Amino acid sequence: MQDTVAVALITSLSTLVAAALTGLVGALSTRRQLAHQLAVARQDGAERRATRRDELRRNAYVGFLGACDQAYRRLDRRWVEAGGDEPTSGYDETYAAMRAVDEAYNLMLLEGPADVAAAGRSVLTSVNAEYADQRRLASRPGGGATPLRDRYRERWLAAIEERTNRRVSFVDAVRAVLDRDE
């Protein structure tokens, strides 16, 4: 009988050890699977956040360029029209376009990064400088029937070149950021 009890004990202990090992292996396997799923979920979340950030940045950059284009159109009109868009004291359409550039720049500042914001600041500064220059030139006596472009051709050409150079620098900075994020 002792042999039977010994065999029964050995059998039950081996069954318990096998069950414990199976449970341990299953628990470790489940833990690995959960850790992997958590890592995948974190990576997916990071990718979604990066994609959203890139979309917000791209929209801010496009909005800034669109506001600049509107301001450039207004500035161009002031260069070529003879007295048609004389600066008035206070608020005018060109000033409104300049404010839109400021607002778009503020949004772009929030989205960053710093190198794009610096390039945008350079564009903003050049647009504001051109506007101020036009106001000074238009306020000079004489030549009210002659467009600013004809009276101050060198200044007009320099303003166009400055615009182009600043905008190209901005676009290059934006492309570097958007290409780096992809």
C-alpha atoms as a PDB file:
ATOM      1  CA  MET A   1       0.000   0.000   0.000  1.00  0.00           C
ATOM      2  CA  GLN A   2       2.853   2.316   0.688  1.00  0.00           C
ATOM      3  CA  ASP A   3       3.970   1.852  -2.882  1.00  0.00           C
ATOM      4  CA  THR A   4       0.566   2.854  -4.108  1.00  0.00           C
ATOM      5  CA  VAL A   5       0.555   5.952  -1.924  1.00  0.00           C
ATOM      6  CA  ALA A   6       4.054   6.837  -3.040  1.00  0.00           C
ATOM      7  CA  VAL A   7       3.077   6.452  -6.691  1.00  0.00           C
ATOM      8  CA  ALA A   8      -0.076   8.506  -6.105  1.00  0.00           C
ATOM      9  CA  LEU A   9       1.919  11.241  -4.370  1.00  0.00           C
ATOM     10  CA  ILE A  10       4.535  11.332  -7.110  1.00  0.00           C
ATOM     11  CA  THR A  11       1.836  11.427  -9.768  1.00  0.00           C
ATOM     12  CA  SER A  12      -0.089  14.212  -8.060  1.00  0.00           C
ATOM     13  CA  LEU A  13       3.084  16.227  -7.387  1.00  0.00           C
ATOM     14  CA  SER A  14       4.209  15.864 -10.997  1.00  0.00           C
ATOM     15  CA  THR A  15       0.731  16.914 -12.136  1.00  0.00           C
ATOM     16  CA  LEU A  16       0.843  19.963  -9.838  1.00  0.00           C
ATOM     17  CA  VAL A  17       4.371  20.875 -10.979  1.00  0.00           C
ATOM     18  CA  ALA A  18       3.314  20.492 -14.629  1.00  0.00           C
ATOM     19  CA  ALA A  19       0.260  22.683 -14.031  1.00  0.00           C
ATOM     20  CA  ALA A  20       2.408  25.284 -12.238  1.00  0.00           C
ATOM     21  CA  LEU A  21       4.971  25.287 -15.061  1.00  0.00           C
ATOM     22  CA  THR A  22       2.206  25.568 -17.652  1.00  0.00           C
ATOM     23  CA  GLY A  23       0.684  28.472 -15.726  1.00  0.00           C
ATOM     24  CA  LEU A  24       4.074  30.174 -15.373  1.00  0.00           C
ATOM     25  CA  VAL A  25       4.869  29.788 -19.076  1.00  0.00           C
ATOM     26  CA  GLY A  26       1.401  31.040 -19.963  1.00  0.00           C
ATOM     27  CA  ALA A  27       1.745  34.037 -17.632  1.00  0.00           C
ATOM     28  CA  LEU A  28       5.156  34.949 -19.054  1.00  0.00           C
ATOM     29  CA  SER A  29       3.864  34.570 -22.594  1.00  0.00           C
ATOM     30  CA  THR A  30       0.827  36.738 -21.804  1.00  0.00           C
ATOM     31  CA  ARG A  31       3.068  39.332 -20.160  1.00  0.00           C
ATOM     32  CA  ARG A  32       5.274  39.471 -23.270  1.00  0.00           C
ATOM     33  CA  GLN A  33       2.213  39.810 -25.501  1.00  0.00           C
ATOM     34  CA  LEU A  34       0.793  42.607 -23.353  1.00  0.00           C
ATOM     35  CA  ALA A  35       4.139  44.407 -23.298  1.00  0.00           C
ATOM     36  CA  HIS A  36       4.320  44.143 -27.089  1.00  0.00           C
ATOM     37  CA  GLN A  37       0.749  45.390 -27.501  1.00  0.00           C
ATOM     38  CA  LEU A  38       1.482  48.300 -25.170  1.00  0.00           C
ATOM     39  CA  ALA A  39       4.602  49.186 -27.156  1.00  0.00           C
ATOM     40  CA  VAL A  40       2.636  49.026 -30.421  1.00  0.00           C
ATOM     41  CA  ALA A  41      -0.134  51.183 -28.938  1.00  0.00           C
ATOM     42  CA  ARG A  42       2.405  53.765 -27.747  1.00  0.00           C
ATOM     43  CA  GLN A  43       4.091  53.799 -31.129  1.00  0.00           C
ATOM     44  CA  ASP A  44       0.744  54.200 -32.904  1.00  0.00           C
ATOM     45  CA  GLY A  45      -0.171  57.043 -30.558  1.00  0.00           C
ATOM     46  CA  ALA A  46       3.170  58.749 -31.179  1.00  0.00           C
ATOM     47  CA  GLU A  47       2.727  58.361 -34.935  1.00  0.00           C
ATOM     48  CA  ARG A  48      -0.802  59.807 -34.766  1.00  0.00           C
ATOM     49  CA  ARG A  49       0.450  62.769 -32.722  1.00  0.00           C
ATOM     50  CA  ALA A  50       3.319  63.329 -35.163  1.00  0.00           C
ATOM     51  CA  THR A  51       0.956  63.133 -38.124  1.00  0.00           C
ATOM     52  CA  ARG A  52      -1.425  65.604 -36.477  1.00  0.00           C
ATOM     53  CA  ARG A  53       1.475  67.930 -35.630  1.00  0.00           C
ATOM     54  CA  ASP A  54       2.688  67.755 -39.232  1.00  0.00           C
ATOM     55  CA  GLU A  55      -0.808  68.563 -40.522  1.00  0.00           C
ATOM     56  CA  LEU A  56      -1.104  71.527 -38.173  1.00  0.00           C
ATOM     57  CA  ARG A  57       2.326  72.771 -39.184  1.00  0.00           C
ATOM     58  CA  ARG A  58       1.636  72.356 -42.872  1.00  0.00           C
ATOM     59  CA  ASN A  59      -1.681  74.225 -42.509  1.00  0.00           C
ATOM     60  CA  ALA A  60       0.021  77.031 -40.565  1.00  0.00           C
ATOM     61  CA  TYR A  61       2.761  77.326 -43.202  1.00  0.00           C
ATOM     62  CA  VAL A  62       0.276  77.330 -46.075  1.00  0.00           C
ATOM     63  CA  GLY A  63      -1.869  79.906 -44.259  1.00  0.00           C
ATOM     64  CA  PHE A  64       1.165  82.116 -43.749  1.00  0.00           C
ATOM     65  CA  LEU A  65       2.144  81.891 -47.421  1.00  0.00           C
ATOM     66  CA  GLY A  66      -1.462  82.623 -48.443  1.00  0.00           C
ATOM     67  CA  ALA A  67      -1.580  85.701 -46.213  1.00  0.00           C
ATOM     68  CA  CYS A  68       1.748  86.834 -47.662  1.00  0.00           C
ATOM     69  CA  ASP A  69       0.395  86.411 -51.190  1.00  0.00           C
ATOM     70  CA  GLN A  70      -2.610  88.594 -50.330  1.00  0.00           C
ATOM     71  CA  ALA A  71      -0.313  91.244 -48.858  1.00  0.00           C
ATOM     72  CA  TYR A  72       1.939  91.069 -51.921  1.00  0.00           C
ATOM     73  CA  ARG A  73      -1.071  91.633 -54.178  1.00  0.00           C
ATOM     74  CA  ARG A  74      -2.037  94.724 -52.181  1.00  0.00           C
ATOM     75  CA  LEU A  75       1.547  95.989 -52.201  1.00  0.00           C
ATOM     76  CA  ASP A  76       1.794  95.366 -55.950  1.00  0.00           C
ATOM     77  CA  ARG A  77      -1.373  97.358 -56.503  1.00  0.00           C
ATOM     78  CA  ARG A  78       0.112 100.265 -54.578  1.00  0.00           C
ATOM     79  CA  TRP A  79       3.287 100.112 -56.676  1.00  0.00           C
ATOM     80  CA  VAL A  80       1.531 100.139 -60.064  1.00  0.00           C
ATOM     81  CA  GLU A  81      -1.577 102.267 -59.588  1.00  0.00           C
ATOM     82  CA  ALA A  82      -1.237 106.006 -59.927  1.00  0.00           C
ATOM     83  CA  GLY A  83      -2.947 107.341 -56.851  1.00  0.00           C
ATOM     84  CA  GLY A  84      -5.455 104.462 -56.933  1.00  0.00           C
ATOM     85  CA  ASP A  85      -4.570 103.046 -53.558  1.00  0.00           C
ATOM     86  CA  GLU A  86      -3.101 106.018 -51.764  1.00  0.00           C
ATOM     87  CA  PRO A  87      -2.280 105.283 -48.167  1.00  0.00           C
ATOM     88  CA  THR A  88      -4.726 106.821 -45.800  1.00  0.00           C
ATOM     89  CA  SER A  89      -4.150 107.622 -42.213  1.00  0.00           C
ATOM     90  CA  GLY A  90      -5.114 104.652 -40.118  1.00  0.00           C
ATOM     91  CA  TYR A  91      -6.707 101.555 -41.584  1.00  0.00           C
ATOM     92  CA  ASP A  92      -6.768 100.610 -45.292  1.00  0.00           C
ATOM     93  CA  GLU A  93      -6.967  97.373 -47.296  1.00  0.00           C
ATOM     94  CA  THR A  94      -3.220  96.984 -47.460  1.00  0.00           C
ATOM     95  CA  TYR A  95      -2.991  97.419 -43.708  1.00  0.00           C
ATOM     96  CA  ALA A  96      -5.660  94.723 -43.318  1.00  0.00           C
ATOM     97  CA  ALA A  97      -3.553  92.382 -45.475  1.00  0.00           C
ATOM     98  CA  MET A  98      -0.529  93.170 -43.318  1.00  0.00           C
ATOM     99  CA  ARG A  99      -2.496  92.298 -40.173  1.00  0.00           C
ATOM    100  CA  ALA A 100      -3.497  88.972 -41.756  1.00  0.00           C
ATOM    101  CA  VAL A 101       0.196  88.195 -42.273  1.00  0.00           C
ATOM    102  CA  ASP A 102       0.838  89.027 -38.597  1.00  0.00           C
ATOM    103  CA  GLU A 103      -1.972  86.715 -37.485  1.00  0.00           C
ATOM    104  CA  ALA A 104      -0.753  83.869 -39.702  1.00  0.00           C
ATOM    105  CA  TYR A 105       2.755  84.395 -38.359  1.00  0.00           C
ATOM    106  CA  ASN A 106       1.497  84.117 -34.778  1.00  0.00           C
ATOM    107  CA  LEU A 107      -0.097  80.757 -35.571  1.00  0.00           C
ATOM    108  CA  MET A 108       3.095  79.613 -37.225  1.00  0.00           C
ATOM    109  CA  LEU A 109       5.054  80.615 -34.105  1.00  0.00           C
ATOM    110  CA  LEU A 110       2.930  78.213 -32.097  1.00  0.00           C
ATOM    111  CA  GLU A 111       3.525  75.344 -34.486  1.00  0.00           C
ATOM    112  CA  GLY A 112       7.283  75.918 -34.847  1.00  0.00           C
ATOM    113  CA  PRO A 113      10.003  74.875 -35.077  1.00  0.00           C
ATOM    114  CA  ALA A 114      12.325  77.793 -34.363  1.00  0.00           C
ATOM    115  CA  ASP A 115      14.146  77.790 -37.720  1.00  0.00           C
ATOM    116  CA  VAL A 116      10.867  78.065 -39.641  1.00  0.00           C
ATOM    117  CA  ALA A 117       9.628  80.768 -37.273  1.00  0.00           C
ATOM    118  CA  ALA A 118      12.856  82.711 -37.856  1.00  0.00           C
ATOM    119  CA  ALA A 119      12.469  82.422 -41.632  1.00  0.00           C
ATOM    120  CA  GLY A 120       8.828  83.504 -41.288  1.00  0.00           C
ATOM    121  CA  ARG A 121       9.896  86.469 -39.174  1.00  0.00           C
ATOM    122  CA  SER A 122      12.262  87.471 -41.957  1.00  0.00           C
ATOM    123  CA  VAL A 123       9.382  87.387 -44.472  1.00  0.00           C
ATOM    124  CA  LEU A 124       7.127  89.333 -42.110  1.00  0.00           C
ATOM    125  CA  THR A 125       9.808  91.960 -41.534  1.00  0.00           C
ATOM    126  CA  SER A 126      10.372  92.429 -45.256  1.00  0.00           C
ATOM    127  CA  VAL A 127       6.637  92.755 -45.967  1.00  0.00           C
ATOM    128  CA  ASN A 128       6.233  95.343 -43.216  1.00  0.00           C
ATOM    129  CA  ALA A 129       9.330  97.222 -44.396  1.00  0.00           C
ATOM    130  CA  GLU A 130       7.997  97.343 -47.958  1.00  0.00           C
ATOM    131  CA  TYR A 131       4.652  98.649 -46.716  1.00  0.00           C
ATOM    132  CA  ALA A 132       6.362 101.343 -44.621  1.00  0.00           C
ATOM    133  CA  ASP A 133       8.585 102.266 -47.569  1.00  0.00           C
ATOM    134  CA  GLN A 134       5.561 102.631 -49.840  1.00  0.00           C
ATOM    135  CA  ARG A 135       3.833 104.872 -47.326  1.00  0.00           C
ATOM    136  CA  ARG A 136       6.924 107.094 -47.057  1.00  0.00           C
ATOM    137  CA  LEU A 137       7.376 107.278 -50.813  1.00  0.00           C
ATOM    138  CA  ALA A 138       3.699 108.001 -51.467  1.00  0.00           C
ATOM    139  CA  SER A 139       3.670 110.809 -48.934  1.00  0.00           C
ATOM    140  CA  ARG A 140       6.419 112.692 -50.764  1.00  0.00           C
ATOM    141  CA  PRO A 141       5.160 115.724 -52.647  1.00  0.00           C
ATOM    142  CA  GLY A 142       4.674 115.649 -56.412  1.00  0.00           C
ATOM    143  CA  GLY A 143       4.139 112.828 -58.854  1.00  0.00           C
ATOM    144  CA  GLY A 144       0.711 111.798 -57.526  1.00  0.00           C
ATOM    145  CA  ALA A 145      -0.408 110.856 -61.048  1.00  0.00           C
ATOM    146  CA  THR A 146       2.664 108.685 -61.642  1.00  0.00           C
ATOM    147  CA  PRO A 147       2.772 105.192 -60.126  1.00  0.00           C
ATOM    148  CA  LEU A 148       5.331 104.578 -57.396  1.00  0.00           C
ATOM    149  CA  ARG A 149       6.877 101.870 -59.577  1.00  0.00           C
ATOM    150  CA  ASP A 150       7.748 104.467 -62.224  1.00  0.00           C
ATOM    151  CA  ARG A 151       8.949 107.140 -59.791  1.00  0.00           C
ATOM    152  CA  TYR A 152      11.061 104.759 -57.701  1.00  0.00           C
ATOM    153  CA  ARG A 153      11.921 101.914 -60.065  1.00  0.00           C
ATOM    154  CA  GLU A 154      15.074 100.829 -58.193  1.00  0.00           C
ATOM    155  CA  ARG A 155      13.175 100.643 -54.885  1.00  0.00           C
ATOM    156  CA  TRP A 156      10.383  98.655 -56.545  1.00  0.00           C
ATOM    157  CA  LEU A 157      12.811  96.160 -58.092  1.00  0.00           C
ATOM    158  CA  ALA A 158      14.700  95.842 -54.800  1.00  0.00           C
ATOM    159  CA  ALA A 159      11.417  95.200 -52.950  1.00  0.00           C
ATOM    160  CA  ILE A 160      10.419  92.477 -55.424  1.00  0.00           C
ATOM    161  CA  GLU A 161      13.835  90.829 -55.115  1.00  0.00           C
ATOM    162  CA  GLU A 162      13.707  91.035 -51.316  1.00  0.00           C
ATOM    163  CA  ARG A 163      10.252  89.439 -51.279  1.00  0.00           C
ATOM    164  CA  THR A 164      11.372  86.610 -53.511  1.00  0.00           C
ATOM    165  CA  ASN A 165      14.544  85.889 -51.551  1.00  0.00           C
ATOM    166  CA  ARG A 166      12.762  85.899 -48.184  1.00  0.00           C
ATOM    167  CA  ARG A 167       9.927  83.706 -49.431  1.00  0.00           C
ATOM    168  CA  VAL A 168      12.339  81.191 -50.985  1.00  0.00           C
ATOM    169  CA  SER A 169      14.305  81.028 -47.708  1.00  0.00           C
ATOM    170  CA  PHE A 170      11.066  80.427 -45.817  1.00  0.00           C
ATOM    171  CA  VAL A 171       9.960  77.659 -48.181  1.00  0.00           C
ATOM    172  CA  ASP A 172      13.393  76.019 -47.939  1.00  0.00           C
ATOM    173  CA  ALA A 173      13.150  76.029 -44.123  1.00  0.00           C
ATOM    174  CA  VAL A 174       9.634  74.567 -44.297  1.00  0.00           C
ATOM    175  CA  ARG A 175      10.666  71.827 -46.700  1.00  0.00           C
ATOM    176  CA  ALA A 176      13.562  70.858 -44.447  1.00  0.00           C
ATOM    177  CA  VAL A 177      11.168  70.470 -41.503  1.00  0.00           C
ATOM    178  CA  LEU A 178       8.476  68.608 -43.418  1.00  0.00           C
ATOM    179  CA  ASP A 179      11.002  66.301 -45.111  1.00  0.00           C
ATOM    180  CA  ARG A 180      12.706  65.606 -41.781  1.00  0.00           C
ATOM    181  CA  ASP A 181       9.376  64.624 -40.204  1.00  0.00           C
ATOM    182  CA  GLU A 182       8.501  62.120 -42.914  1.00  0.00           C
END
